[in-house]
Amino acid sequence: MLYGKLKEYRALITFPSLTEALGAEKVLSRYNCPFASIPTPRSLRSGCNTALCFPLERKSLVDDLIDDGVVLTGMYEAREDGFISLVW
């Protein structure tokens, strides 16, 4: 079941640490991409308890995150029946 901004945005990225999540917030802000920090869903938890969700149609910004040195552990599309891993 989707909740909050995740229901609206549908794209979710996870990180190995809070430092990486904060770095991603800076990059998304620089590109004027709306986002929300949310608790990492239990089924995707891998190190950091904070994930970012943002509009699925802006998923190409993941390349910019990587170019800026942000380390991700995964990118997912949130659906009512679960999370689908996305390739970037």
PDB file of N, CA and C in Angstrom:
ATOM      1  N   MET A   1       0.832  -1.178   0.000  1.00  0.00           N
ATOM      2  CA  MET A   1       0.000   0.000   0.000  1.00  0.00           C
ATOM      3  C   MET A   1       0.886   1.254   0.000  1.00  0.00           C
ATOM      4  N   LEU A   2       0.592   2.172  -0.893  1.00  0.00           N
ATOM      5  CA  LEU A   2       1.369   3.401  -1.000  1.00  0.00           C
ATOM      6  C   LEU A   2       0.842   4.448  -0.032  1.00  0.00           C
ATOM      7  N   TYR A   3       1.706   5.339   0.385  1.00  0.00           N
ATOM      8  CA  TYR A   3       1.339   6.350   1.361  1.00  0.00           C
ATOM      9  C   TYR A   3       2.005   7.674   1.027  1.00  0.00           C
ATOM     10  N   GLY A   4       1.424   8.771   1.478  1.00  0.00           N
ATOM     11  CA  GLY A   4       2.010  10.100   1.358  1.00  0.00           C
ATOM     12  C   GLY A   4       2.462  10.463  -0.039  1.00  0.00           C
ATOM     13  N   LYS A   5       3.594  11.127  -0.106  1.00  0.00           N
ATOM     14  CA  LYS A   5       4.146  11.591  -1.383  1.00  0.00           C
ATOM     15  C   LYS A   5       4.510  10.435  -2.308  1.00  0.00           C
ATOM     16  N   LEU A   6       4.818   9.287  -1.758  1.00  0.00           N
ATOM     17  CA  LEU A   6       5.156   8.132  -2.593  1.00  0.00           C
ATOM     18  C   LEU A   6       3.983   7.782  -3.500  1.00  0.00           C
ATOM     19  N   LYS A   7       2.797   7.949  -3.006  1.00  0.00           N
ATOM     20  CA  LYS A   7       1.597   7.673  -3.795  1.00  0.00           C
ATOM     21  C   LYS A   7       1.505   8.619  -4.988  1.00  0.00           C
ATOM     22  N   GLU A   8       1.930   9.864  -4.795  1.00  0.00           N
ATOM     23  CA  GLU A   8       1.872  10.877  -5.845  1.00  0.00           C
ATOM     24  C   GLU A   8       3.064  10.773  -6.801  1.00  0.00           C
ATOM     25  N   TYR A   9       4.266  10.609  -6.264  1.00  0.00           N
ATOM     26  CA  TYR A   9       5.482  10.693  -7.073  1.00  0.00           C
ATOM     27  C   TYR A   9       5.853   9.394  -7.789  1.00  0.00           C
ATOM     28  N   ARG A  10       5.786   8.275  -7.126  1.00  0.00           N
ATOM     29  CA  ARG A  10       6.005   6.931  -7.684  1.00  0.00           C
ATOM     30  C   ARG A  10       7.444   6.496  -7.911  1.00  0.00           C
ATOM     31  N   ALA A  11       8.424   7.394  -7.949  1.00  0.00           N
ATOM     32  CA  ALA A  11       9.826   6.982  -8.094  1.00  0.00           C
ATOM     33  C   ALA A  11      10.473   7.035  -6.708  1.00  0.00           C
ATOM     34  N   LEU A  12      11.287   6.034  -6.396  1.00  0.00           N
ATOM     35  CA  LEU A  12      11.908   5.929  -5.077  1.00  0.00           C
ATOM     36  C   LEU A  12      13.368   5.539  -5.257  1.00  0.00           C
ATOM     37  N   ILE A  13      14.253   6.229  -4.537  1.00  0.00           N
ATOM     38  CA  ILE A  13      15.661   5.844  -4.555  1.00  0.00           C
ATOM     39  C   ILE A  13      16.105   5.583  -3.118  1.00  0.00           C
ATOM     40  N   THR A  14      16.957   4.583  -2.976  1.00  0.00           N
ATOM     41  CA  THR A  14      17.478   4.200  -1.673  1.00  0.00           C
ATOM     42  C   THR A  14      18.991   4.406  -1.657  1.00  0.00           C
ATOM     43  N   PHE A  15      19.537   4.514  -0.451  1.00  0.00           N
ATOM     44  CA  PHE A  15      20.935   4.892  -0.283  1.00  0.00           C
ATOM     45  C   PHE A  15      21.620   4.031   0.776  1.00  0.00           C
ATOM     46  N   PRO A  16      22.948   3.956   0.719  1.00  0.00           N
ATOM     47  CA  PRO A  16      23.676   3.205   1.743  1.00  0.00           C
ATOM     48  C   PRO A  16      23.833   3.979   3.052  1.00  0.00           C
ATOM     49  N   SER A  17      23.655   5.326   2.989  1.00  0.00           N
ATOM     50  CA  SER A  17      23.843   6.129   4.194  1.00  0.00           C
ATOM     51  C   SER A  17      23.017   7.413   4.112  1.00  0.00           C
ATOM     52  N   LEU A  18      22.809   8.034   5.248  1.00  0.00           N
ATOM     53  CA  LEU A  18      22.088   9.297   5.300  1.00  0.00           C
ATOM     54  C   LEU A  18      22.858  10.394   4.566  1.00  0.00           C
ATOM     55  N   THR A  19      24.174  10.343   4.624  1.00  0.00           N
ATOM     56  CA  THR A  19      25.001  11.325   3.918  1.00  0.00           C
ATOM     57  C   THR A  19      24.688  11.321   2.424  1.00  0.00           C
ATOM     58  N   GLU A  20      24.543  10.143   1.841  1.00  0.00           N
ATOM     59  CA  GLU A  20      24.224  10.044   0.412  1.00  0.00           C
ATOM     60  C   GLU A  20      22.822  10.587   0.132  1.00  0.00           C
ATOM     61  N   ALA A  21      21.875  10.305   1.024  1.00  0.00           N
ATOM     62  CA  ALA A  21      20.506  10.809   0.845  1.00  0.00           C
ATOM     63  C   ALA A  21      20.496  12.343   0.880  1.00  0.00           C
ATOM     64  N   LEU A  22      21.257  12.924   1.799  1.00  0.00           N
ATOM     65  CA  LEU A  22      21.329  14.384   1.887  1.00  0.00           C
ATOM     66  C   LEU A  22      21.991  14.980   0.645  1.00  0.00           C
ATOM     67  N   GLY A  23      23.002  14.302   0.122  1.00  0.00           N
ATOM     68  CA  GLY A  23      23.639  14.752  -1.116  1.00  0.00           C
ATOM     69  C   GLY A  23      22.664  14.721  -2.284  1.00  0.00           C
ATOM     70  N   ALA A  24      21.836  13.689  -2.333  1.00  0.00           N
ATOM     71  CA  ALA A  24      20.840  13.580  -3.397  1.00  0.00           C
ATOM     72  C   ALA A  24      19.807  14.702  -3.291  1.00  0.00           C
ATOM     73  N   GLU A  25      19.442  15.060  -2.059  1.00  0.00           N
ATOM     74  CA  GLU A  25      18.498  16.164  -1.872  1.00  0.00           C
ATOM     75  C   GLU A  25      19.050  17.448  -2.478  1.00  0.00           C
ATOM     76  N   LYS A  26      20.333  17.707  -2.286  1.00  0.00           N
ATOM     77  CA  LYS A  26      20.954  18.914  -2.840  1.00  0.00           C
ATOM     78  C   LYS A  26      20.898  18.907  -4.363  1.00  0.00           C
ATOM     79  N   VAL A  27      21.192  17.763  -4.962  1.00  0.00           N
ATOM     80  CA  VAL A  27      21.181  17.676  -6.428  1.00  0.00           C
ATOM     81  C   VAL A  27      19.762  17.854  -6.960  1.00  0.00           C
ATOM     82  N   LEU A  28      18.795  17.183  -6.362  1.00  0.00           N
ATOM     83  CA  LEU A  28      17.411  17.317  -6.828  1.00  0.00           C
ATOM     84  C   LEU A  28      16.921  18.752  -6.668  1.00  0.00           C
ATOM     85  N   SER A  29      17.327  19.422  -5.608  1.00  0.00           N
ATOM     86  CA  SER A  29      16.956  20.831  -5.416  1.00  0.00           C
ATOM     87  C   SER A  29      17.565  21.703  -6.504  1.00  0.00           C
ATOM     88  N   ARG A  30      18.807  21.421  -6.835  1.00  0.00           N
ATOM     89  CA  ARG A  30      19.495  22.205  -7.865  1.00  0.00           C
ATOM     90  C   ARG A  30      18.781  22.097  -9.212  1.00  0.00           C
ATOM     91  N   TYR A  31      18.172  20.948  -9.489  1.00  0.00           N
ATOM     92  CA  TYR A  31      17.443  20.741 -10.744  1.00  0.00           C
ATOM     93  C   TYR A  31      15.947  21.039 -10.596  1.00  0.00           C
ATOM     94  N   ASN A  32      15.573  21.686  -9.491  1.00  0.00           N
ATOM     95  CA  ASN A  32      14.174  22.053  -9.245  1.00  0.00           C
ATOM     96  C   ASN A  32      13.224  20.872  -9.376  1.00  0.00           C
ATOM     97  N   CYS A  33      13.652  19.745  -8.898  1.00  0.00           N
ATOM     98  CA  CYS A  33      12.828  18.541  -8.925  1.00  0.00           C
ATOM     99  C   CYS A  33      12.146  18.389  -7.562  1.00  0.00           C
ATOM    100  N   PRO A  34      10.819  18.323  -7.544  1.00  0.00           N
ATOM    101  CA  PRO A  34      10.157  18.101  -6.255  1.00  0.00           C
ATOM    102  C   PRO A  34      10.499  16.715  -5.716  1.00  0.00           C
ATOM    103  N   PHE A  35      10.651  16.617  -4.408  1.00  0.00           N
ATOM    104  CA  PHE A  35      10.966  15.332  -3.787  1.00  0.00           C
ATOM    105  C   PHE A  35      10.481  15.348  -2.351  1.00  0.00           C
ATOM    106  N   ALA A  36      10.483  14.197  -1.750  1.00  0.00           N
ATOM    107  CA  ALA A  36      10.153  14.065  -0.332  1.00  0.00           C
ATOM    108  C   ALA A  36      11.043  12.995   0.283  1.00  0.00           C
ATOM    109  N   SER A  37      11.539  13.275   1.475  1.00  0.00           N
ATOM    110  CA  SER A  37      12.266  12.266   2.245  1.00  0.00           C
ATOM    111  C   SER A  37      11.233  11.423   2.980  1.00  0.00           C
ATOM    112  N   ILE A  38      11.374  10.115   2.871  1.00  0.00           N
ATOM    113  CA  ILE A  38      10.438   9.210   3.533  1.00  0.00           C
ATOM    114  C   ILE A  38      11.231   8.075   4.179  1.00  0.00           C
ATOM    115  N   PRO A  39      10.635   7.393   5.132  1.00  0.00           N
ATOM    116  CA  PRO A  39      11.303   6.200   5.669  1.00  0.00           C
ATOM    117  C   PRO A  39      11.431   5.150   4.564  1.00  0.00           C
ATOM    118  N   THR A  40      12.574   4.519   4.488  1.00  0.00           N
ATOM    119  CA  THR A  40      12.754   3.466   3.491  1.00  0.00           C
ATOM    120  C   THR A  40      11.782   2.331   3.793  1.00  0.00           C
ATOM    121  N   PRO A  41      11.000   1.926   2.783  1.00  0.00           N
ATOM    122  CA  PRO A  41      10.086   0.798   3.015  1.00  0.00           C
ATOM    123  C   PRO A  41      10.863  -0.422   3.525  1.00  0.00           C
ATOM    124  N   ARG A  42      10.299  -1.121   4.455  1.00  0.00           N
ATOM    125  CA  ARG A  42      10.970  -2.251   5.106  1.00  0.00           C
ATOM    126  C   ARG A  42      11.494  -3.270   4.094  1.00  0.00           C
ATOM    127  N   SER A  43      10.740  -3.516   3.040  1.00  0.00           N
ATOM    128  CA  SER A  43      11.150  -4.521   2.058  1.00  0.00           C
ATOM    129  C   SER A  43      12.370  -4.092   1.240  1.00  0.00           C
ATOM    130  N   LEU A  44      12.716  -2.796   1.279  1.00  0.00           N
ATOM    131  CA  LEU A  44      13.854  -2.282   0.499  1.00  0.00           C
ATOM    132  C   LEU A  44      15.019  -1.823   1.369  1.00  0.00           C
ATOM    133  N   ARG A  45      14.880  -1.928   2.656  1.00  0.00           N
ATOM    134  CA  ARG A  45      15.882  -1.388   3.568  1.00  0.00           C
ATOM    135  C   ARG A  45      17.229  -2.074   3.383  1.00  0.00           C
ATOM    136  N   SER A  46      18.264  -1.237   3.210  1.00  0.00           N
ATOM    137  CA  SER A  46      19.614  -1.789   3.034  1.00  0.00           C
ATOM    138  C   SER A  46      20.649  -0.772   3.494  1.00  0.00           C
ATOM    139  N   GLY A  47      20.675  -0.493   4.758  1.00  0.00           N
ATOM    140  CA  GLY A  47      21.694   0.407   5.274  1.00  0.00           C
ATOM    141  C   GLY A  47      21.136   1.725   5.769  1.00  0.00           C
ATOM    142  N   CYS A  48      20.396   2.443   4.962  1.00  0.00           N
ATOM    143  CA  CYS A  48      19.889   3.753   5.335  1.00  0.00           C
ATOM    144  C   CYS A  48      18.374   3.693   5.507  1.00  0.00           C
ATOM    145  N   ASN A  49      17.884   4.301   6.555  1.00  0.00           N
ATOM    146  CA  ASN A  49      16.449   4.295   6.813  1.00  0.00           C
ATOM    147  C   ASN A  49      15.719   5.451   6.148  1.00  0.00           C
ATOM    148  N   THR A  50      16.435   6.243   5.343  1.00  0.00           N
ATOM    149  CA  THR A  50      15.829   7.367   4.634  1.00  0.00           C
ATOM    150  C   THR A  50      15.922   7.128   3.134  1.00  0.00           C
ATOM    151  N   ALA A  51      14.801   7.299   2.458  1.00  0.00           N
ATOM    152  CA  ALA A  51      14.745   7.187   0.998  1.00  0.00           C
ATOM    153  C   ALA A  51      14.159   8.486   0.461  1.00  0.00           C
ATOM    154  N   LEU A  52      14.322   8.715  -0.822  1.00  0.00           N
ATOM    155  CA  LEU A  52      13.724   9.882  -1.462  1.00  0.00           C
ATOM    156  C   LEU A  52      12.750   9.421  -2.524  1.00  0.00           C
ATOM    157  N   CYS A  53      11.594  10.078  -2.568  1.00  0.00           N
ATOM    158  CA  CYS A  53      10.674   9.820  -3.664  1.00  0.00           C
ATOM    159  C   CYS A  53      10.529  11.111  -4.458  1.00  0.00           C
ATOM    160  N   PHE A  54      10.294  10.956  -5.744  1.00  0.00           N
ATOM    161  CA  PHE A  54      10.166  12.092  -6.650  1.00  0.00           C
ATOM    162  C   PHE A  54       9.348  11.644  -7.852  1.00  0.00           C
ATOM    163  N   PRO A  55       8.925  12.584  -8.707  1.00  0.00           N
ATOM    164  CA  PRO A  55       8.062  12.207  -9.834  1.00  0.00           C
ATOM    165  C   PRO A  55       8.743  11.204 -10.773  1.00  0.00           C
ATOM    166  N   LEU A  56       8.017  10.175 -11.111  1.00  0.00           N
ATOM    167  CA  LEU A  56       8.546   9.121 -11.976  1.00  0.00           C
ATOM    168  C   LEU A  56       9.008   9.677 -13.323  1.00  0.00           C
ATOM    169  N   GLU A  57       8.320  10.671 -13.827  1.00  0.00           N
ATOM    170  CA  GLU A  57       8.703  11.237 -15.131  1.00  0.00           C
ATOM    171  C   GLU A  57      10.035  11.980 -15.090  1.00  0.00           C
ATOM    172  N   ARG A  58      10.584  12.207 -13.899  1.00  0.00           N
ATOM    173  CA  ARG A  58      11.891  12.860 -13.768  1.00  0.00           C
ATOM    174  C   ARG A  58      13.000  11.853 -13.453  1.00  0.00           C
ATOM    175  N   LYS A  59      12.753  10.570 -13.694  1.00  0.00           N
ATOM    176  CA  LYS A  59      13.730   9.543 -13.314  1.00  0.00           C
ATOM    177  C   LYS A  59      15.067   9.681 -14.029  1.00  0.00           C
ATOM    178  N   SER A  60      15.114  10.411 -15.143  1.00  0.00           N
ATOM    179  CA  SER A  60      16.389  10.609 -15.837  1.00  0.00           C
ATOM    180  C   SER A  60      17.375  11.418 -14.987  1.00  0.00           C
ATOM    181  N   LEU A  61      16.895  12.092 -13.939  1.00  0.00           N
ATOM    182  CA  LEU A  61      17.793  12.834 -13.050  1.00  0.00           C
ATOM    183  C   LEU A  61      18.727  11.924 -12.255  1.00  0.00           C
ATOM    184  N   VAL A  62      18.450  10.635 -12.240  1.00  0.00           N
ATOM    185  CA  VAL A  62      19.330   9.702 -11.529  1.00  0.00           C
ATOM    186  C   VAL A  62      20.734   9.751 -12.134  1.00  0.00           C
ATOM    187  N   ASP A  63      20.821   9.927 -13.437  1.00  0.00           N
ATOM    188  CA  ASP A  63      22.140  10.065 -14.066  1.00  0.00           C
ATOM    189  C   ASP A  63      22.890  11.269 -13.496  1.00  0.00           C
ATOM    190  N   ASP A  64      22.177  12.361 -13.251  1.00  0.00           N
ATOM    191  CA  ASP A  64      22.808  13.550 -12.673  1.00  0.00           C
ATOM    192  C   ASP A  64      23.260  13.293 -11.237  1.00  0.00           C
ATOM    193  N   LEU A  65      22.474  12.526 -10.497  1.00  0.00           N
ATOM    194  CA  LEU A  65      22.885  12.163  -9.139  1.00  0.00           C
ATOM    195  C   LEU A  65      24.196  11.388  -9.170  1.00  0.00           C
ATOM    196  N   ILE A  66      24.266  10.411 -10.056  1.00  0.00           N
ATOM    197  CA  ILE A  66      25.474   9.589 -10.172  1.00  0.00           C
ATOM    198  C   ILE A  66      26.656  10.438 -10.627  1.00  0.00           C
ATOM    199  N   ASP A  67      26.425  11.328 -11.610  1.00  0.00           N
ATOM    200  CA  ASP A  67      27.490  12.211 -12.084  1.00  0.00           C
ATOM    201  C   ASP A  67      28.017  13.108 -10.970  1.00  0.00           C
ATOM    202  N   ASP A  68      27.156  13.469 -10.027  1.00  0.00           N
ATOM    203  CA  ASP A  68      27.564  14.301  -8.898  1.00  0.00           C
ATOM    204  C   ASP A  68      28.185  13.492  -7.767  1.00  0.00           C
ATOM    205  N   GLY A  69      28.338  12.192  -7.958  1.00  0.00           N
ATOM    206  CA  GLY A  69      29.017  11.360  -6.972  1.00  0.00           C
ATOM    207  C   GLY A  69      28.124  10.759  -5.900  1.00  0.00           C
ATOM    208  N   VAL A  70      26.805  10.881  -6.040  1.00  0.00           N
ATOM    209  CA  VAL A  70      25.888  10.291  -5.061  1.00  0.00           C
ATOM    210  C   VAL A  70      25.833   8.781  -5.294  1.00  0.00           C
ATOM    211  N   VAL A  71      25.962   8.019  -4.225  1.00  0.00           N
ATOM    212  CA  VAL A  71      25.918   6.564  -4.299  1.00  0.00           C
ATOM    213  C   VAL A  71      24.504   6.098  -3.955  1.00  0.00           C
ATOM    214  N   LEU A  72      23.907   5.335  -4.844  1.00  0.00           N
ATOM    215  CA  LEU A  72      22.561   4.796  -4.652  1.00  0.00           C
ATOM    216  C   LEU A  72      22.649   3.291  -4.429  1.00  0.00           C
ATOM    217  N   THR A  73      21.681   2.744  -3.712  1.00  0.00           N
ATOM    218  CA  THR A  73      21.601   1.286  -3.630  1.00  0.00           C
ATOM    219  C   THR A  73      20.494   0.745  -4.514  1.00  0.00           C
ATOM    220  N   GLY A  74      19.568   1.622  -4.938  1.00  0.00           N
ATOM    221  CA  GLY A  74      18.502   1.164  -5.825  1.00  0.00           C
ATOM    222  C   GLY A  74      17.560   2.272  -6.236  1.00  0.00           C
ATOM    223  N   MET A  75      16.861   2.018  -7.337  1.00  0.00           N
ATOM    224  CA  MET A  75      15.820   2.927  -7.815  1.00  0.00           C
ATOM    225  C   MET A  75      14.620   2.065  -8.165  1.00  0.00           C
ATOM    226  N   TYR A  76      13.445   2.501  -7.732  1.00  0.00           N
ATOM    227  CA  TYR A  76      12.253   1.675  -7.864  1.00  0.00           C
ATOM    228  C   TYR A  76      11.053   2.495  -8.320  1.00  0.00           C
ATOM    229  N   GLU A  77      10.146   1.812  -8.984  1.00  0.00           N
ATOM    230  CA  GLU A  77       8.833   2.383  -9.253  1.00  0.00           C
ATOM    231  C   GLU A  77       7.882   1.796  -8.221  1.00  0.00           C
ATOM    232  N   ALA A  78       7.184   2.688  -7.528  1.00  0.00           N
ATOM    233  CA  ALA A  78       6.229   2.250  -6.509  1.00  0.00           C
ATOM    234  C   ALA A  78       4.886   1.971  -7.173  1.00  0.00           C
ATOM    235  N   ARG A  79       4.386   0.791  -6.947  1.00  0.00           N
ATOM    236  CA  ARG A  79       3.072   0.392  -7.453  1.00  0.00           C
ATOM    237  C   ARG A  79       2.245  -0.103  -6.282  1.00  0.00           C
ATOM    238  N   GLU A  80       0.961  -0.168  -6.491  1.00  0.00           N
ATOM    239  CA  GLU A  80       0.074  -0.626  -5.418  1.00  0.00           C
ATOM    240  C   GLU A  80       0.433  -2.041  -4.943  1.00  0.00           C
ATOM    241  N   ASP A  81       0.989  -2.846  -5.846  1.00  0.00           N
ATOM    242  CA  ASP A  81       1.306  -4.231  -5.489  1.00  0.00           C
ATOM    243  C   ASP A  81       2.772  -4.445  -5.098  1.00  0.00           C
ATOM    244  N   GLY A  82       3.539  -3.362  -4.955  1.00  0.00           N
ATOM    245  CA  GLY A  82       4.927  -3.499  -4.541  1.00  0.00           C
ATOM    246  C   GLY A  82       5.856  -2.573  -5.307  1.00  0.00           C
ATOM    247  N   PHE A  83       7.140  -2.873  -5.251  1.00  0.00           N
ATOM    248  CA  PHE A  83       8.160  -2.048  -5.875  1.00  0.00           C
ATOM    249  C   PHE A  83       8.823  -2.815  -7.022  1.00  0.00           C
ATOM    250  N   ILE A  84       8.984  -2.129  -8.143  1.00  0.00           N
ATOM    251  CA  ILE A  84       9.636  -2.712  -9.314  1.00  0.00           C
ATOM    252  C   ILE A  84      10.983  -2.010  -9.484  1.00  0.00           C
ATOM    253  N   SER A  85      12.045  -2.766  -9.540  1.00  0.00           N
ATOM    254  CA  SER A  85      13.374  -2.197  -9.724  1.00  0.00           C
ATOM    255  C   SER A  85      13.486  -1.584 -11.114  1.00  0.00           C
ATOM    256  N   LEU A  86      14.028  -0.356 -11.170  1.00  0.00           N
ATOM    257  CA  LEU A  86      14.207   0.331 -12.440  1.00  0.00           C
ATOM    258  C   LEU A  86      15.678   0.319 -12.821  1.00  0.00           C
ATOM    259  N   VAL A  87      15.935   0.250 -14.087  1.00  0.00           N
ATOM    260  CA  VAL A  87      17.295   0.303 -14.609  1.00  0.00           C
ATOM    261  C   VAL A  87      17.559   1.739 -15.027  1.00  0.00           C
ATOM    262  N   TRP A  88      18.714   2.257 -14.619  1.00  0.00           N
ATOM    263  CA  TRP A  88      19.032   3.604 -15.038  1.00  0.00           C
ATOM    264  C   TRP A  88      20.288   3.634 -15.857  1.00  0.00           C
TER     265      TRP A  88
END
